Amino acid sequence: MSPGAALFFANPTVPMPPLTGGAARNRMMVECLHKEIPGLIVPPEAPYFEALGAALWGMENDAAEFSGMSDLLRSKAASFDRLPPLKDFKDMVTFK
């Protein structure tokens, strides 16, 4: 458990921290969390908090110079390992 979560659960007078980050756009997760955590706050800006944090960090820390668009994207396609199709494992699943 994170120190912030431990502090919140140990002392209910500490205000609930808001749900932030990209996960806040997952409607089903937010619905379930609202059921389990009364008073959960999900600000409209929640998906952008990570970008804001990165921007603030960048303002306070040295960062490499932007070398231009030619180095931003690679023309060579990335390759990923291929996994067998899920249908090959049908007999390993119990549908209820």
N, C-alpha and C. Protein backbone atom coordinates (compact mmCIF):
# COMPACT_ATOMS: atom_id res chain seq x y z
N MET A 1 0.86 -1.17 0.00
CA MET A 1 0.00 0.00 0.00
C MET A 1 0.90 1.23 0.00
N SER A 2 0.53 2.22 -0.78
CA SER A 2 1.34 3.44 -0.86
C SER A 2 1.26 4.20 0.46
N PRO A 3 2.28 5.00 0.78
CA PRO A 3 2.23 5.79 2.02
C PRO A 3 1.00 6.69 2.08
N GLY A 4 0.62 7.27 0.92
CA GLY A 4 -0.56 8.14 0.90
C GLY A 4 -1.83 7.39 1.21
N ALA A 5 -1.97 6.18 0.64
CA ALA A 5 -3.17 5.38 0.91
C ALA A 5 -3.19 4.95 2.37
N ALA A 6 -2.04 4.56 2.92
CA ALA A 6 -1.97 4.15 4.32
C ALA A 6 -2.39 5.30 5.23
N LEU A 7 -1.93 6.51 4.91
CA LEU A 7 -2.28 7.69 5.69
C LEU A 7 -3.79 7.92 5.64
N PHE A 8 -4.37 7.80 4.45
CA PHE A 8 -5.81 8.03 4.30
C PHE A 8 -6.62 7.03 5.10
N PHE A 9 -6.29 5.74 4.99
CA PHE A 9 -7.08 4.72 5.68
C PHE A 9 -6.85 4.74 7.19
N ALA A 10 -5.67 5.18 7.63
CA ALA A 10 -5.39 5.26 9.06
C ALA A 10 -6.06 6.47 9.70
N ASN A 11 -6.29 7.51 8.91
CA ASN A 11 -6.85 8.75 9.44
C ASN A 11 -7.93 9.26 8.49
N PRO A 12 -9.18 8.90 8.75
CA PRO A 12 -10.25 9.29 7.82
C PRO A 12 -10.47 10.79 7.68
N THR A 13 -9.82 11.61 8.52
CA THR A 13 -9.98 13.06 8.39
C THR A 13 -9.09 13.62 7.28
N VAL A 14 -8.12 12.81 6.81
CA VAL A 14 -7.27 13.24 5.70
C VAL A 14 -8.14 13.23 4.45
N PRO A 15 -8.13 14.30 3.65
CA PRO A 15 -9.00 14.33 2.46
C PRO A 15 -8.62 13.25 1.45
N MET A 16 -9.63 12.75 0.77
CA MET A 16 -9.44 11.70 -0.24
C MET A 16 -8.63 12.27 -1.39
N PRO A 17 -7.52 11.61 -1.76
CA PRO A 17 -6.79 12.09 -2.94
C PRO A 17 -7.60 11.78 -4.20
N PRO A 18 -7.53 12.63 -5.20
CA PRO A 18 -8.31 12.37 -6.42
C PRO A 18 -7.70 11.24 -7.23
N LEU A 19 -8.53 10.57 -8.01
CA LEU A 19 -8.06 9.56 -8.95
C LEU A 19 -7.53 10.33 -10.16
N THR A 20 -6.28 10.09 -10.52
CA THR A 20 -5.67 10.80 -11.64
C THR A 20 -5.00 9.82 -12.58
N GLY A 21 -4.62 10.31 -13.74
CA GLY A 21 -3.93 9.49 -14.72
C GLY A 21 -4.89 8.92 -15.75
N GLY A 22 -4.33 8.22 -16.69
CA GLY A 22 -5.11 7.67 -17.78
C GLY A 22 -6.18 6.69 -17.33
N ALA A 23 -5.96 6.02 -16.21
CA ALA A 23 -6.96 5.05 -15.71
C ALA A 23 -8.29 5.73 -15.39
N ALA A 24 -8.27 7.01 -15.16
CA ALA A 24 -9.51 7.73 -14.85
C ALA A 24 -10.45 7.77 -16.05
N ARG A 25 -9.97 7.40 -17.22
CA ARG A 25 -10.83 7.36 -18.42
C ARG A 25 -11.51 6.01 -18.58
N ASN A 26 -11.15 5.05 -17.74
CA ASN A 26 -11.75 3.72 -17.79
C ASN A 26 -13.07 3.77 -17.01
N ARG A 27 -14.18 3.91 -17.73
CA ARG A 27 -15.48 4.11 -17.09
C ARG A 27 -15.85 2.99 -16.12
N MET A 28 -15.59 1.74 -16.52
CA MET A 28 -15.96 0.62 -15.67
C MET A 28 -15.16 0.62 -14.37
N MET A 29 -13.88 0.89 -14.46
CA MET A 29 -13.05 0.93 -13.26
C MET A 29 -13.51 2.05 -12.34
N VAL A 30 -13.79 3.22 -12.91
CA VAL A 30 -14.23 4.36 -12.10
C VAL A 30 -15.56 4.04 -11.44
N GLU A 31 -16.48 3.40 -12.16
CA GLU A 31 -17.77 3.00 -11.58
C GLU A 31 -17.57 2.09 -10.38
N CYS A 32 -16.72 1.07 -10.55
CA CYS A 32 -16.46 0.13 -9.45
C CYS A 32 -15.80 0.83 -8.27
N LEU A 33 -14.86 1.71 -8.54
CA LEU A 33 -14.20 2.45 -7.46
C LEU A 33 -15.17 3.35 -6.72
N HIS A 34 -16.11 3.98 -7.45
CA HIS A 34 -17.11 4.83 -6.80
C HIS A 34 -17.97 4.00 -5.84
N LYS A 35 -18.26 2.77 -6.21
CA LYS A 35 -19.07 1.90 -5.33
C LYS A 35 -18.30 1.55 -4.06
N GLU A 36 -17.00 1.33 -4.19
CA GLU A 36 -16.17 0.90 -3.06
C GLU A 36 -15.64 2.07 -2.23
N ILE A 37 -15.46 3.22 -2.84
CA ILE A 37 -14.85 4.37 -2.15
C ILE A 37 -15.80 5.56 -2.24
N PRO A 38 -16.65 5.71 -1.23
CA PRO A 38 -17.55 6.86 -1.25
C PRO A 38 -16.75 8.17 -1.23
N GLY A 39 -17.19 9.12 -2.00
CA GLY A 39 -16.51 10.41 -2.02
C GLY A 39 -15.31 10.47 -2.94
N LEU A 40 -15.10 9.42 -3.74
CA LEU A 40 -13.97 9.42 -4.67
C LEU A 40 -14.10 10.60 -5.64
N ILE A 41 -13.02 11.31 -5.81
CA ILE A 41 -13.01 12.48 -6.70
C ILE A 41 -12.27 12.12 -7.97
N VAL A 42 -12.92 12.34 -9.11
CA VAL A 42 -12.29 12.14 -10.42
C VAL A 42 -12.44 13.46 -11.18
N PRO A 43 -11.42 14.32 -11.09
CA PRO A 43 -11.54 15.61 -11.77
C PRO A 43 -11.54 15.45 -13.29
N PRO A 44 -12.19 16.35 -14.02
CA PRO A 44 -12.22 16.25 -15.48
C PRO A 44 -10.81 16.26 -16.09
N GLU A 45 -9.87 16.87 -15.40
CA GLU A 45 -8.50 16.96 -15.91
C GLU A 45 -7.67 15.72 -15.56
N ALA A 46 -8.25 14.71 -14.93
CA ALA A 46 -7.52 13.55 -14.42
C ALA A 46 -6.59 12.90 -15.45
N PRO A 47 -7.01 12.72 -16.71
CA PRO A 47 -6.12 12.06 -17.67
C PRO A 47 -4.86 12.86 -17.99
N TYR A 48 -4.85 14.14 -17.66
CA TYR A 48 -3.74 15.00 -18.05
C TYR A 48 -2.73 15.26 -16.93
N PHE A 49 -3.00 14.73 -15.73
CA PHE A 49 -2.11 14.99 -14.60
C PHE A 49 -0.70 14.46 -14.86
N GLU A 50 -0.58 13.31 -15.50
CA GLU A 50 0.75 12.75 -15.77
C GLU A 50 1.53 13.67 -16.71
N ALA A 51 0.87 14.19 -17.74
CA ALA A 51 1.54 15.11 -18.67
C ALA A 51 1.93 16.40 -17.94
N LEU A 52 1.07 16.88 -17.07
CA LEU A 52 1.39 18.08 -16.30
C LEU A 52 2.61 17.82 -15.42
N GLY A 53 2.65 16.68 -14.77
CA GLY A 53 3.80 16.33 -13.93
C GLY A 53 5.07 16.26 -14.74
N ALA A 54 5.01 15.67 -15.93
CA ALA A 54 6.19 15.59 -16.80
C ALA A 54 6.64 16.98 -17.23
N ALA A 55 5.68 17.85 -17.53
CA ALA A 55 6.03 19.22 -17.95
C ALA A 55 6.68 19.99 -16.80
N LEU A 56 6.13 19.84 -15.60
CA LEU A 56 6.71 20.53 -14.45
C LEU A 56 8.11 20.01 -14.16
N TRP A 57 8.29 18.68 -14.26
CA TRP A 57 9.62 18.10 -14.05
C TRP A 57 10.59 18.66 -15.09
N GLY A 58 10.15 18.73 -16.34
CA GLY A 58 10.99 19.23 -17.42
C GLY A 58 11.41 20.68 -17.21
N MET A 59 10.55 21.46 -16.58
CA MET A 59 10.88 22.86 -16.32
C MET A 59 11.94 23.00 -15.24
N GLU A 60 12.00 22.03 -14.34
CA GLU A 60 12.93 22.12 -13.21
C GLU A 60 14.20 21.30 -13.39
N ASN A 61 14.28 20.50 -14.43
CA ASN A 61 15.42 19.61 -14.63
C ASN A 61 15.99 19.79 -16.03
N ASP A 62 17.28 19.51 -16.14
CA ASP A 62 17.91 19.57 -17.46
C ASP A 62 17.36 18.45 -18.34
N ALA A 63 17.12 18.76 -19.56
CA ALA A 63 16.62 17.78 -20.52
C ALA A 63 17.42 17.92 -21.81
N ALA A 64 17.48 16.85 -22.57
CA ALA A 64 18.21 16.88 -23.84
C ALA A 64 17.49 17.80 -24.81
N GLU A 65 18.24 18.44 -25.66
CA GLU A 65 17.66 19.28 -26.71
C GLU A 65 16.88 18.40 -27.68
N PHE A 66 15.81 18.96 -28.21
CA PHE A 66 15.03 18.25 -29.23
C PHE A 66 15.83 18.25 -30.52
N SER A 67 16.15 17.06 -31.01
CA SER A 67 17.03 16.95 -32.18
C SER A 67 16.28 17.04 -33.51
N GLY A 68 14.98 17.18 -33.46
CA GLY A 68 14.21 17.34 -34.68
C GLY A 68 13.33 16.13 -34.98
N MET A 69 12.44 16.32 -35.92
CA MET A 69 11.47 15.27 -36.27
C MET A 69 12.12 14.02 -36.83
N SER A 70 13.25 14.16 -37.50
CA SER A 70 13.86 12.99 -38.14
C SER A 70 14.26 11.93 -37.11
N ASP A 71 14.56 12.34 -35.90
CA ASP A 71 14.93 11.37 -34.86
C ASP A 71 13.75 10.96 -34.00
N LEU A 72 12.62 11.60 -34.17
CA LEU A 72 11.47 11.32 -33.32
C LEU A 72 10.82 9.98 -33.67
N LEU A 73 10.63 9.73 -34.95
CA LEU A 73 10.01 8.49 -35.40
C LEU A 73 10.99 7.71 -36.26
N ARG A 74 11.02 6.44 -36.06
CA ARG A 74 11.91 5.58 -36.85
C ARG A 74 11.15 5.06 -38.07
N SER A 75 11.81 5.01 -39.20
CA SER A 75 11.14 4.51 -40.40
C SER A 75 11.07 2.99 -40.39
N LYS A 76 11.98 2.34 -39.68
CA LYS A 76 11.97 0.89 -39.60
C LYS A 76 10.84 0.46 -38.66
N ALA A 77 10.02 -0.45 -39.12
CA ALA A 77 8.88 -0.89 -38.32
C ALA A 77 9.38 -1.72 -37.14
N ALA A 78 8.71 -1.54 -36.01
CA ALA A 78 9.04 -2.36 -34.83
C ALA A 78 8.49 -3.76 -35.04
N SER A 79 9.15 -4.71 -34.46
CA SER A 79 8.64 -6.08 -34.56
C SER A 79 8.33 -6.61 -33.17
N PHE A 80 7.29 -7.38 -33.10
CA PHE A 80 6.87 -7.98 -31.85
C PHE A 80 6.79 -9.49 -32.04
N ASP A 81 7.05 -10.22 -30.97
CA ASP A 81 6.85 -11.66 -31.04
C ASP A 81 5.37 -11.93 -31.25
N ARG A 82 5.10 -12.94 -32.00
CA ARG A 82 3.70 -13.30 -32.23
C ARG A 82 3.34 -14.46 -31.32
N LEU A 83 2.19 -14.35 -30.72
CA LEU A 83 1.69 -15.40 -29.85
C LEU A 83 0.68 -16.24 -30.62
N PRO A 84 0.50 -17.49 -30.21
CA PRO A 84 -0.51 -18.31 -30.89
C PRO A 84 -1.90 -17.72 -30.66
N PRO A 85 -2.83 -17.98 -31.57
CA PRO A 85 -4.18 -17.42 -31.43
C PRO A 85 -4.87 -17.98 -30.18
N LEU A 86 -5.71 -17.16 -29.57
CA LEU A 86 -6.42 -17.56 -28.36
C LEU A 86 -7.29 -18.79 -28.58
N LYS A 87 -7.80 -18.97 -29.79
CA LYS A 87 -8.68 -20.12 -30.06
C LYS A 87 -7.95 -21.45 -29.82
N ASP A 88 -6.62 -21.43 -29.87
CA ASP A 88 -5.85 -22.66 -29.62
C ASP A 88 -5.91 -23.08 -28.16
N PHE A 89 -6.40 -22.20 -27.29
CA PHE A 89 -6.43 -22.49 -25.86
C PHE A 89 -7.85 -22.61 -25.32
N LYS A 90 -8.82 -22.75 -26.23
CA LYS A 90 -10.22 -22.82 -25.86
C LYS A 90 -10.49 -23.91 -24.83
N ASP A 91 -9.80 -25.04 -24.98
CA ASP A 91 -10.05 -26.18 -24.07
C ASP A 91 -9.51 -25.92 -22.65
N MET A 92 -8.77 -24.85 -22.47
CA MET A 92 -8.22 -24.54 -21.15
C MET A 92 -9.09 -23.56 -20.37
N VAL A 93 -10.21 -23.13 -20.97
CA VAL A 93 -11.07 -22.13 -20.35
C VAL A 93 -12.41 -22.76 -19.99
N THR A 94 -12.90 -22.42 -18.81
CA THR A 94 -14.23 -22.87 -18.40
C THR A 94 -15.15 -21.67 -18.47
N PHE A 95 -16.15 -21.75 -19.31
CA PHE A 95 -17.11 -20.67 -19.45
C PHE A 95 -18.25 -20.90 -18.47
N LYS A 96 -18.58 -19.90 -17.68
CA LYS A 96 -19.65 -20.04 -16.67
C LYS A 96 -20.79 -19.10 -17.00
